[in-house]
Amino acid sequence: MIEVFITVNYKDRSYQTNVIVNKNMTLENINRLAEEQVKKQWNL
């Protein structure tokens, strides 16, 4: 497992977040996880 820092655009704003993923995970899946994480955080 590794920690990846990624920037996600959500509602016309940029958010930097980190996700913990498997080393063999694709960038597409990492982006999806990061976006889901940001959406959960800001849809309270």
C-alpha atoms as a PDB file:
ATOM      1  CA  MET A   1       0.000   0.000   0.000  1.00  0.00           C
ATOM      2  CA  ILE A   2       1.186   3.511  -0.810  1.00  0.00           C
ATOM      3  CA  GLU A   3      -0.109   6.997  -0.099  1.00  0.00           C
ATOM      4  CA  VAL A   4      -0.785   9.138  -3.182  1.00  0.00           C
ATOM      5  CA  PHE A   5      -1.476  12.882  -3.180  1.00  0.00           C
ATOM      6  CA  ILE A   6      -3.756  13.990  -5.999  1.00  0.00           C
ATOM      7  CA  THR A   7      -5.609  17.147  -7.049  1.00  0.00           C
ATOM      8  CA  VAL A   8      -9.309  16.781  -7.827  1.00  0.00           C
ATOM      9  CA  ASN A   9     -11.603  19.344  -9.464  1.00  0.00           C
ATOM     10  CA  TYR A  10     -15.024  19.461  -7.793  1.00  0.00           C
ATOM     11  CA  LYS A  11     -17.661  22.169  -8.223  1.00  0.00           C
ATOM     12  CA  ASP A  12     -15.214  24.431 -10.089  1.00  0.00           C
ATOM     13  CA  ARG A  13     -12.639  24.244  -7.293  1.00  0.00           C
ATOM     14  CA  SER A  14      -9.429  22.276  -6.902  1.00  0.00           C
ATOM     15  CA  TYR A  15      -8.886  20.105  -3.849  1.00  0.00           C
ATOM     16  CA  GLN A  16      -5.735  18.252  -2.934  1.00  0.00           C
ATOM     17  CA  THR A  17      -6.359  14.970  -1.178  1.00  0.00           C
ATOM     18  CA  ASN A  18      -4.479  11.817  -0.353  1.00  0.00           C
ATOM     19  CA  VAL A  19      -5.583   8.234  -0.876  1.00  0.00           C
ATOM     20  CA  ILE A  20      -3.999   4.979   0.176  1.00  0.00           C
ATOM     21  CA  VAL A  21      -3.916   2.484  -2.693  1.00  0.00           C
ATOM     22  CA  ASN A  22      -2.279  -0.721  -3.841  1.00  0.00           C
ATOM     23  CA  LYS A  23       0.929  -0.306  -5.828  1.00  0.00           C
ATOM     24  CA  ASN A  24      -0.608  -1.966  -8.888  1.00  0.00           C
ATOM     25  CA  MET A  25      -3.741   0.212  -8.994  1.00  0.00           C
ATOM     26  CA  THR A  26      -4.299   2.169 -12.207  1.00  0.00           C
ATOM     27  CA  LEU A  27      -4.304   5.959 -12.324  1.00  0.00           C
ATOM     28  CA  GLU A  28      -7.935   5.835 -13.446  1.00  0.00           C
ATOM     29  CA  ASN A  29      -8.956   3.995 -10.271  1.00  0.00           C
ATOM     30  CA  ILE A  30      -6.857   6.293  -8.089  1.00  0.00           C
ATOM     31  CA  ASN A  31      -8.581   9.333  -9.620  1.00  0.00           C
ATOM     32  CA  ARG A  32     -11.997   7.765  -9.033  1.00  0.00           C
ATOM     33  CA  LEU A  33     -11.226   7.032  -5.380  1.00  0.00           C
ATOM     34  CA  ALA A  34      -9.909  10.543  -4.798  1.00  0.00           C
ATOM     35  CA  GLU A  35     -12.973  12.101  -6.418  1.00  0.00           C
ATOM     36  CA  GLU A  36     -15.328   9.972  -4.318  1.00  0.00           C
ATOM     37  CA  GLN A  37     -13.428  10.966  -1.192  1.00  0.00           C
ATOM     38  CA  VAL A  38     -13.714  14.691  -1.977  1.00  0.00           C
ATOM     39  CA  LYS A  39     -17.425  14.355  -2.801  1.00  0.00           C
ATOM     40  CA  LYS A  40     -18.101  12.603   0.512  1.00  0.00           C
ATOM     41  CA  GLN A  41     -16.170  15.250   2.402  1.00  0.00           C
ATOM     42  CA  TRP A  42     -18.025  18.214   0.855  1.00  0.00           C
ATOM     43  CA  ASN A  43     -21.554  16.750   0.708  1.00  0.00           C
ATOM     44  CA  LEU A  44     -22.163  16.822   4.446  1.00  0.00           C
END
